[in-house]
Amino acid sequence: MKSFFLACAIALASVAVAPFLCAQQISGQITIQDPAEFNAYQSATSHTQPAARAASLEEFLTHYPQSAVKKTVLAQLIDEAC
C-alpha cells in the first residue's frame, strides 16, 4: 500500500514539474543561478579581441563544466575559431 502511494506521489510530482521544464526549453532563455558563475560568464563574453575571448571562454568551461550555458559557450568557441 505504501508503494502505491509513493508511486502516485512521484507521478503527481512529475506531472507538476513537466510544464515548467518544457516552458524553459520553449522560451530559449537560460538562466545562471550562481552569481559567481554569471559574473565569470559575463567577463568571458565581454572581451573584444577574439584570442582573449576564446581563452576566457575556455577558462570558464574549465571552472564550470556543468554550466547551463555550456552549449552556448561551445558554440561561441566554434565561432571564434572560424
PDB file of N, CA and C in Angstrom:
ATOM      1  N   MET A   1       0.815  -1.196   0.000  1.00  0.00           N
ATOM      2  CA  MET A   1       0.000   0.000   0.000  1.00  0.00           C
ATOM      3  C   MET A   1       0.863   1.266   0.000  1.00  0.00           C
ATOM      4  N   LYS A   2       1.955   1.232   0.773  1.00  0.00           N
ATOM      5  CA  LYS A   2       2.834   2.391   0.829  1.00  0.00           C
ATOM      6  C   LYS A   2       3.485   2.642  -0.528  1.00  0.00           C
ATOM      7  N   SER A   3       3.833   1.562  -1.222  1.00  0.00           N
ATOM      8  CA  SER A   3       4.476   1.732  -2.530  1.00  0.00           C
ATOM      9  C   SER A   3       3.496   2.339  -3.536  1.00  0.00           C
ATOM     10  N   PHE A   4       2.216   2.041  -3.408  1.00  0.00           N
ATOM     11  CA  PHE A   4       1.219   2.622  -4.288  1.00  0.00           C
ATOM     12  C   PHE A   4       1.152   4.139  -4.087  1.00  0.00           C
ATOM     13  N   PHE A   5       1.124   4.564  -2.817  1.00  0.00           N
ATOM     14  CA  PHE A   5       1.071   5.988  -2.527  1.00  0.00           C
ATOM     15  C   PHE A   5       2.352   6.689  -2.973  1.00  0.00           C
ATOM     16  N   LEU A   6       3.472   6.025  -2.801  1.00  0.00           N
ATOM     17  CA  LEU A   6       4.738   6.593  -3.242  1.00  0.00           C
ATOM     18  C   LEU A   6       4.749   6.752  -4.759  1.00  0.00           C
ATOM     19  N   ALA A   7       4.256   5.750  -5.468  1.00  0.00           N
ATOM     20  CA  ALA A   7       4.195   5.826  -6.928  1.00  0.00           C
ATOM     21  C   ALA A   7       3.267   6.951  -7.375  1.00  0.00           C
ATOM     22  N   CYS A   8       2.162   7.117  -6.695  1.00  0.00           N
ATOM     23  CA  CYS A   8       1.223   8.198  -7.021  1.00  0.00           C
ATOM     24  C   CYS A   8       1.858   9.568  -6.762  1.00  0.00           C
ATOM     25  N   ALA A   9       2.575   9.686  -5.663  1.00  0.00           N
ATOM     26  CA  ALA A   9       3.218  10.954  -5.342  1.00  0.00           C
ATOM     27  C   ALA A   9       4.280  11.303  -6.379  1.00  0.00           C
ATOM     28  N   ILE A  10       5.044  10.324  -6.813  1.00  0.00           N
ATOM     29  CA  ILE A  10       6.066  10.564  -7.830  1.00  0.00           C
ATOM     30  C   ILE A  10       5.420  10.955  -9.150  1.00  0.00           C
ATOM     31  N   ALA A  11       4.338  10.279  -9.506  1.00  0.00           N
ATOM     32  CA  ALA A  11       3.641  10.596 -10.753  1.00  0.00           C
ATOM     33  C   ALA A  11       3.086  12.017 -10.719  1.00  0.00           C
ATOM     34  N   LEU A  12       2.493  12.403  -9.614  1.00  0.00           N
ATOM     35  CA  LEU A  12       1.948  13.755  -9.498  1.00  0.00           C
ATOM     36  C   LEU A  12       3.050  14.805  -9.529  1.00  0.00           C
ATOM     37  N   ALA A  13       4.159  14.515  -8.892  1.00  0.00           N
ATOM     38  CA  ALA A  13       5.271  15.466  -8.899  1.00  0.00           C
ATOM     39  C   ALA A  13       5.824  15.646 -10.306  1.00  0.00           C
ATOM     40  N   SER A  14       5.940  14.569 -11.054  1.00  0.00           N
ATOM     41  CA  SER A  14       6.469  14.686 -12.414  1.00  0.00           C
ATOM     42  C   SER A  14       5.505  15.433 -13.325  1.00  0.00           C
ATOM     43  N   VAL A  15       4.230  15.256 -13.124  1.00  0.00           N
ATOM     44  CA  VAL A  15       3.238  15.976 -13.924  1.00  0.00           C
ATOM     45  C   VAL A  15       3.269  17.460 -13.588  1.00  0.00           C
ATOM     46  N   ALA A  16       3.510  17.792 -12.333  1.00  0.00           N
ATOM     47  CA  ALA A  16       3.543  19.193 -11.927  1.00  0.00           C
ATOM     48  C   ALA A  16       4.792  19.902 -12.427  1.00  0.00           C
ATOM     49  N   VAL A  17       5.906  19.200 -12.539  1.00  0.00           N
ATOM     50  CA  VAL A  17       7.166  19.801 -12.934  1.00  0.00           C
ATOM     51  C   VAL A  17       7.325  19.861 -14.449  1.00  0.00           C
ATOM     52  N   ALA A  18       6.741  18.956 -15.173  1.00  0.00           N
ATOM     53  CA  ALA A  18       6.922  18.855 -16.628  1.00  0.00           C
ATOM     54  C   ALA A  18       6.591  20.150 -17.373  1.00  0.00           C
ATOM     55  N   PRO A  19       5.472  20.813 -17.105  1.00  0.00           N
ATOM     56  CA  PRO A  19       5.202  22.061 -17.839  1.00  0.00           C
ATOM     57  C   PRO A  19       6.246  23.137 -17.602  1.00  0.00           C
ATOM     58  N   PHE A  20       6.768  23.213 -16.386  1.00  0.00           N
ATOM     59  CA  PHE A  20       7.811  24.206 -16.084  1.00  0.00           C
ATOM     60  C   PHE A  20       9.062  23.931 -16.902  1.00  0.00           C
ATOM     61  N   LEU A  21       9.475  22.682 -16.976  1.00  0.00           N
ATOM     62  CA  LEU A  21      10.665  22.330 -17.748  1.00  0.00           C
ATOM     63  C   LEU A  21      10.456  22.593 -19.232  1.00  0.00           C
ATOM     64  N   CYS A  22       9.291  22.260 -19.742  1.00  0.00           N
ATOM     65  CA  CYS A  22       9.007  22.496 -21.149  1.00  0.00           C
ATOM     66  C   CYS A  22       8.962  23.992 -21.457  1.00  0.00           C
ATOM     67  N   ALA A  23       8.434  24.777 -20.551  1.00  0.00           N
ATOM     68  CA  ALA A  23       8.357  26.220 -20.770  1.00  0.00           C
ATOM     69  C   ALA A  23       9.753  26.826 -20.869  1.00  0.00           C
ATOM     70  N   GLN A  24      10.687  26.336 -20.069  1.00  0.00           N
ATOM     71  CA  GLN A  24      12.050  26.847 -20.151  1.00  0.00           C
ATOM     72  C   GLN A  24      12.683  26.474 -21.482  1.00  0.00           C
ATOM     73  N   GLN A  25      12.426  25.273 -21.962  1.00  0.00           N
ATOM     74  CA  GLN A  25      13.006  24.833 -23.225  1.00  0.00           C
ATOM     75  C   GLN A  25      12.406  25.600 -24.391  1.00  0.00           C
ATOM     76  N   ILE A  26      11.134  25.883 -24.346  1.00  0.00           N
ATOM     77  CA  ILE A  26      10.463  26.585 -25.436  1.00  0.00           C
ATOM     78  C   ILE A  26      10.899  28.047 -25.486  1.00  0.00           C
ATOM     79  N   SER A  27      11.027  28.689 -24.328  1.00  0.00           N
ATOM     80  CA  SER A  27      11.358  30.111 -24.312  1.00  0.00           C
ATOM     81  C   SER A  27      12.764  30.379 -24.822  1.00  0.00           C
ATOM     82  N   GLY A  28      13.656  29.395 -24.717  1.00  0.00           N
ATOM     83  CA  GLY A  28      15.008  29.566 -25.202  1.00  0.00           C
ATOM     84  C   GLY A  28      15.905  30.350 -24.263  1.00  0.00           C
ATOM     85  N   GLN A  29      15.379  30.770 -23.143  1.00  0.00           N
ATOM     86  CA  GLN A  29      16.177  31.514 -22.185  1.00  0.00           C
ATOM     87  C   GLN A  29      16.828  30.546 -21.204  1.00  0.00           C
ATOM     88  N   ILE A  30      18.098  30.791 -20.960  1.00  0.00           N
ATOM     89  CA  ILE A  30      18.840  30.004 -20.000  1.00  0.00           C
ATOM     90  C   ILE A  30      19.275  30.949 -18.899  1.00  0.00           C
ATOM     91  N   THR A  31      19.038  30.555 -17.670  1.00  0.00           N
ATOM     92  CA  THR A  31      19.425  31.409 -16.558  1.00  0.00           C
ATOM     93  C   THR A  31      20.537  30.749 -15.765  1.00  0.00           C
ATOM     94  N   ILE A  32      21.469  31.551 -15.310  1.00  0.00           N
ATOM     95  CA  ILE A  32      22.549  31.096 -14.449  1.00  0.00           C
ATOM     96  C   ILE A  32      22.191  31.528 -13.039  1.00  0.00           C
ATOM     97  N   GLN A  33      22.025  30.562 -12.162  1.00  0.00           N
ATOM     98  CA  GLN A  33      21.584  30.849 -10.803  1.00  0.00           C
ATOM     99  C   GLN A  33      22.724  31.335  -9.898  1.00  0.00           C
ATOM    100  N   ASP A  34      23.925  30.837 -10.113  1.00  0.00           N
ATOM    101  CA  ASP A  34      25.069  31.179  -9.265  1.00  0.00           C
ATOM    102  C   ASP A  34      25.637  32.534  -9.687  1.00  0.00           C
ATOM    103  N   PRO A  35      25.661  33.520  -8.790  1.00  0.00           N
ATOM    104  CA  PRO A  35      26.174  34.846  -9.157  1.00  0.00           C
ATOM    105  C   PRO A  35      27.638  34.830  -9.610  1.00  0.00           C
ATOM    106  N   ALA A  36      28.461  33.994  -8.994  1.00  0.00           N
ATOM    107  CA  ALA A  36      29.869  33.923  -9.394  1.00  0.00           C
ATOM    108  C   ALA A  36      29.992  33.367 -10.811  1.00  0.00           C
ATOM    109  N   GLU A  37      29.201  32.368 -11.120  1.00  0.00           N
ATOM    110  CA  GLU A  37      29.208  31.793 -12.471  1.00  0.00           C
ATOM    111  C   GLU A  37      28.709  32.822 -13.484  1.00  0.00           C
ATOM    112  N   PHE A  38      27.673  33.554 -13.127  1.00  0.00           N
ATOM    113  CA  PHE A  38      27.137  34.580 -14.016  1.00  0.00           C
ATOM    114  C   PHE A  38      28.181  35.652 -14.305  1.00  0.00           C
ATOM    115  N   ASN A  39      28.863  36.107 -13.262  1.00  0.00           N
ATOM    116  CA  ASN A  39      29.898  37.133 -13.432  1.00  0.00           C
ATOM    117  C   ASN A  39      31.045  36.618 -14.288  1.00  0.00           C
ATOM    118  N   ALA A  40      31.429  35.352 -14.091  1.00  0.00           N
ATOM    119  CA  ALA A  40      32.503  34.763 -14.898  1.00  0.00           C
ATOM    120  C   ALA A  40      32.080  34.673 -16.360  1.00  0.00           C
ATOM    121  N   TYR A  41      30.821  34.333 -16.606  1.00  0.00           N
ATOM    122  CA  TYR A  41      30.322  34.255 -17.985  1.00  0.00           C
ATOM    123  C   TYR A  41      30.311  35.641 -18.631  1.00  0.00           C
ATOM    124  N   GLN A  42      29.838  36.627 -17.891  1.00  0.00           N
ATOM    125  CA  GLN A  42      29.800  37.995 -18.410  1.00  0.00           C
ATOM    126  C   GLN A  42      31.206  38.493 -18.733  1.00  0.00           C
ATOM    127  N   SER A  43      32.136  38.183 -17.855  1.00  0.00           N
ATOM    128  CA  SER A  43      33.515  38.596 -18.060  1.00  0.00           C
ATOM    129  C   SER A  43      34.122  37.904 -19.287  1.00  0.00           C
ATOM    130  N   ALA A  44      33.850  36.616 -19.431  1.00  0.00           N
ATOM    131  CA  ALA A  44      34.413  35.858 -20.556  1.00  0.00           C
ATOM    132  C   ALA A  44      33.853  36.325 -21.889  1.00  0.00           C
ATOM    133  N   THR A  45      32.602  36.708 -21.929  1.00  0.00           N
ATOM    134  CA  THR A  45      31.980  37.109 -23.189  1.00  0.00           C
ATOM    135  C   THR A  45      32.182  38.585 -23.517  1.00  0.00           C
ATOM    136  N   SER A  46      32.752  39.351 -22.591  1.00  0.00           N
ATOM    137  CA  SER A  46      32.894  40.786 -22.829  1.00  0.00           C
ATOM    138  C   SER A  46      34.194  41.178 -23.532  1.00  0.00           C
ATOM    139  N   HIS A  47      35.095  40.237 -23.728  1.00  0.00           N
ATOM    140  CA  HIS A  47      36.363  40.567 -24.399  1.00  0.00           C
ATOM    141  C   HIS A  47      36.112  40.914 -25.861  1.00  0.00           C
ATOM    142  N   THR A  48      36.849  41.883 -26.349  1.00  0.00           N
ATOM    143  CA  THR A  48      36.678  42.297 -27.742  1.00  0.00           C
ATOM    144  C   THR A  48      37.655  41.609 -28.689  1.00  0.00           C
ATOM    145  N   GLN A  49      38.813  41.205 -28.179  1.00  0.00           N
ATOM    146  CA  GLN A  49      39.782  40.516 -29.022  1.00  0.00           C
ATOM    147  C   GLN A  49      39.435  39.024 -29.065  1.00  0.00           C
ATOM    148  N   PRO A  50      39.387  38.445 -30.258  1.00  0.00           N
ATOM    149  CA  PRO A  50      38.991  37.033 -30.389  1.00  0.00           C
ATOM    150  C   PRO A  50      39.860  36.062 -29.596  1.00  0.00           C
ATOM    151  N   ALA A  51      41.164  36.265 -29.567  1.00  0.00           N
ATOM    152  CA  ALA A  51      42.044  35.342 -28.844  1.00  0.00           C
ATOM    153  C   ALA A  51      41.790  35.402 -27.336  1.00  0.00           C
ATOM    154  N   ALA A  52      41.630  36.603 -26.811  1.00  0.00           N
ATOM    155  CA  ALA A  52      41.360  36.768 -25.385  1.00  0.00           C
ATOM    156  C   ALA A  52      39.989  36.208 -25.026  1.00  0.00           C
ATOM    157  N   ARG A  53      39.041  36.429 -25.908  1.00  0.00           N
ATOM    158  CA  ARG A  53      37.683  35.915 -25.679  1.00  0.00           C
ATOM    159  C   ARG A  53      37.681  34.392 -25.661  1.00  0.00           C
ATOM    160  N   ALA A  54      38.358  33.770 -26.613  1.00  0.00           N
ATOM    161  CA  ALA A  54      38.422  32.308 -26.671  1.00  0.00           C
ATOM    162  C   ALA A  54      39.101  31.743 -25.430  1.00  0.00           C
ATOM    163  N   ALA A  55      40.188  32.363 -25.006  1.00  0.00           N
ATOM    164  CA  ALA A  55      40.883  31.896 -23.804  1.00  0.00           C
ATOM    165  C   ALA A  55      39.988  32.020 -22.565  1.00  0.00           C
ATOM    166  N   SER A  56      39.256  33.114 -22.473  1.00  0.00           N
ATOM    167  CA  SER A  56      38.354  33.320 -21.327  1.00  0.00           C
ATOM    168  C   SER A  56      37.205  32.324 -21.342  1.00  0.00           C
ATOM    169  N   LEU A  57      36.672  32.036 -22.523  1.00  0.00           N
ATOM    170  CA  LEU A  57      35.590  31.066 -22.621  1.00  0.00           C
ATOM    171  C   LEU A  57      36.066  29.670 -22.239  1.00  0.00           C
ATOM    172  N   GLU A  58      37.280  29.322 -22.664  1.00  0.00           N
ATOM    173  CA  GLU A  58      37.828  28.019 -22.288  1.00  0.00           C
ATOM    174  C   GLU A  58      38.044  27.935 -20.778  1.00  0.00           C
ATOM    175  N   GLU A  59      38.529  29.013 -20.196  1.00  0.00           N
ATOM    176  CA  GLU A  59      38.725  29.043 -18.742  1.00  0.00           C
ATOM    177  C   GLU A  59      37.386  28.929 -18.016  1.00  0.00           C
ATOM    178  N   PHE A  60      36.360  29.580 -18.555  1.00  0.00           N
ATOM    179  CA  PHE A  60      35.022  29.488 -17.964  1.00  0.00           C
ATOM    180  C   PHE A  60      34.551  28.036 -17.949  1.00  0.00           C
ATOM    181  N   LEU A  61      34.726  27.335 -19.085  1.00  0.00           N
ATOM    182  CA  LEU A  61      34.304  25.934 -19.146  1.00  0.00           C
ATOM    183  C   LEU A  61      35.120  25.046 -18.220  1.00  0.00           C
ATOM    184  N   THR A  62      36.365  25.409 -17.985  1.00  0.00           N
ATOM    185  CA  THR A  62      37.190  24.642 -17.057  1.00  0.00           C
ATOM    186  C   THR A  62      36.656  24.777 -15.630  1.00  0.00           C
ATOM    187  N   HIS A  63      36.248  25.993 -15.263  1.00  0.00           N
ATOM    188  CA  HIS A  63      35.742  26.228 -13.914  1.00  0.00           C
ATOM    189  C   HIS A  63      34.292  25.773 -13.734  1.00  0.00           C
ATOM    190  N   TYR A  64      33.504  25.843 -14.794  1.00  0.00           N
ATOM    191  CA  TYR A  64      32.079  25.485 -14.718  1.00  0.00           C
ATOM    192  C   TYR A  64      31.733  24.473 -15.813  1.00  0.00           C
ATOM    193  N   PRO A  65      32.213  23.230 -15.684  1.00  0.00           N
ATOM    194  CA  PRO A  65      31.986  22.248 -16.751  1.00  0.00           C
ATOM    195  C   PRO A  65      30.526  21.815 -16.893  1.00  0.00           C
ATOM    196  N   GLN A  66      29.717  21.992 -15.875  1.00  0.00           N
ATOM    197  CA  GLN A  66      28.308  21.609 -15.936  1.00  0.00           C
ATOM    198  C   GLN A  66      27.390  22.819 -16.036  1.00  0.00           C
ATOM    199  N   SER A  67      27.884  23.895 -16.567  1.00  0.00           N
ATOM    200  CA  SER A  67      27.119  25.136 -16.648  1.00  0.00           C
ATOM    201  C   SER A  67      25.894  24.987 -17.550  1.00  0.00           C
ATOM    202  N   ALA A  68      24.890  25.764 -17.238  1.00  0.00           N
ATOM    203  CA  ALA A  68      23.678  25.778 -18.062  1.00  0.00           C
ATOM    204  C   ALA A  68      23.942  26.386 -19.430  1.00  0.00           C
ATOM    205  N   VAL A  69      24.992  27.169 -19.552  1.00  0.00           N
ATOM    206  CA  VAL A  69      25.320  27.831 -20.819  1.00  0.00           C
ATOM    207  C   VAL A  69      26.462  27.126 -21.555  1.00  0.00           C
ATOM    208  N   LYS A  70      26.722  25.893 -21.207  1.00  0.00           N
ATOM    209  CA  LYS A  70      27.836  25.161 -21.805  1.00  0.00           C
ATOM    210  C   LYS A  70      27.713  25.081 -23.324  1.00  0.00           C
ATOM    211  N   LYS A  71      26.534  24.757 -23.816  1.00  0.00           N
ATOM    212  CA  LYS A  71      26.335  24.663 -25.271  1.00  0.00           C
ATOM    213  C   LYS A  71      26.551  26.016 -25.948  1.00  0.00           C
ATOM    214  N   THR A  72      26.094  27.062 -25.322  1.00  0.00           N
ATOM    215  CA  THR A  72      26.268  28.404 -25.863  1.00  0.00           C
ATOM    216  C   THR A  72      27.742  28.781 -25.915  1.00  0.00           C
ATOM    217  N   VAL A  73      28.471  28.464 -24.853  1.00  0.00           N
ATOM    218  CA  VAL A  73      29.898  28.786 -24.806  1.00  0.00           C
ATOM    219  C   VAL A  73      30.653  27.983 -25.863  1.00  0.00           C
ATOM    220  N   LEU A  74      30.322  26.703 -26.009  1.00  0.00           N
ATOM    221  CA  LEU A  74      30.977  25.889 -27.032  1.00  0.00           C
ATOM    222  C   LEU A  74      30.688  26.442 -28.435  1.00  0.00           C
ATOM    223  N   ALA A  75      29.462  26.879 -28.657  1.00  0.00           N
ATOM    224  CA  ALA A  75      29.123  27.471 -29.967  1.00  0.00           C
ATOM    225  C   ALA A  75      29.915  28.754 -30.189  1.00  0.00           C
ATOM    226  N   GLN A  76      30.100  29.546 -29.158  1.00  0.00           N
ATOM    227  CA  GLN A  76      30.876  30.771 -29.276  1.00  0.00           C
ATOM    228  C   GLN A  76      32.339  30.469 -29.557  1.00  0.00           C
ATOM    229  N   LEU A  77      32.856  29.405 -28.952  1.00  0.00           N
ATOM    230  CA  LEU A  77      34.243  28.999 -29.220  1.00  0.00           C
ATOM    231  C   LEU A  77      34.412  28.563 -30.663  1.00  0.00           C
ATOM    232  N   ILE A  78      33.441  27.864 -31.195  1.00  0.00           N
ATOM    233  CA  ILE A  78      33.497  27.440 -32.596  1.00  0.00           C
ATOM    234  C   ILE A  78      33.457  28.661 -33.508  1.00  0.00           C
ATOM    235  N   ASP A  79      32.621  29.622 -33.170  1.00  0.00           N
ATOM    236  CA  ASP A  79      32.543  30.859 -33.966  1.00  0.00           C
ATOM    237  C   ASP A  79      33.866  31.618 -33.938  1.00  0.00           C
ATOM    238  N   GLU A  80      34.543  31.620 -32.803  1.00  0.00           N
ATOM    239  CA  GLU A  80      35.824  32.302 -32.677  1.00  0.00           C
ATOM    240  C   GLU A  80      36.886  31.610 -33.526  1.00  0.00           C
ATOM    241  N   ALA A  81      36.778  30.300 -33.672  1.00  0.00           N
ATOM    242  CA  ALA A  81      37.776  29.538 -34.428  1.00  0.00           C
ATOM    243  C   ALA A  81      37.629  29.772 -35.938  1.00  0.00           C
ATOM    244  N   CYS A  82      36.456  30.125 -36.382  1.00  0.00           N
ATOM    245  CA  CYS A  82      36.208  30.296 -37.827  1.00  0.00           C
ATOM    246  C   CYS A  82      36.603  31.629 -38.342  1.00  0.00           C
TER     247      CYS A  82
END
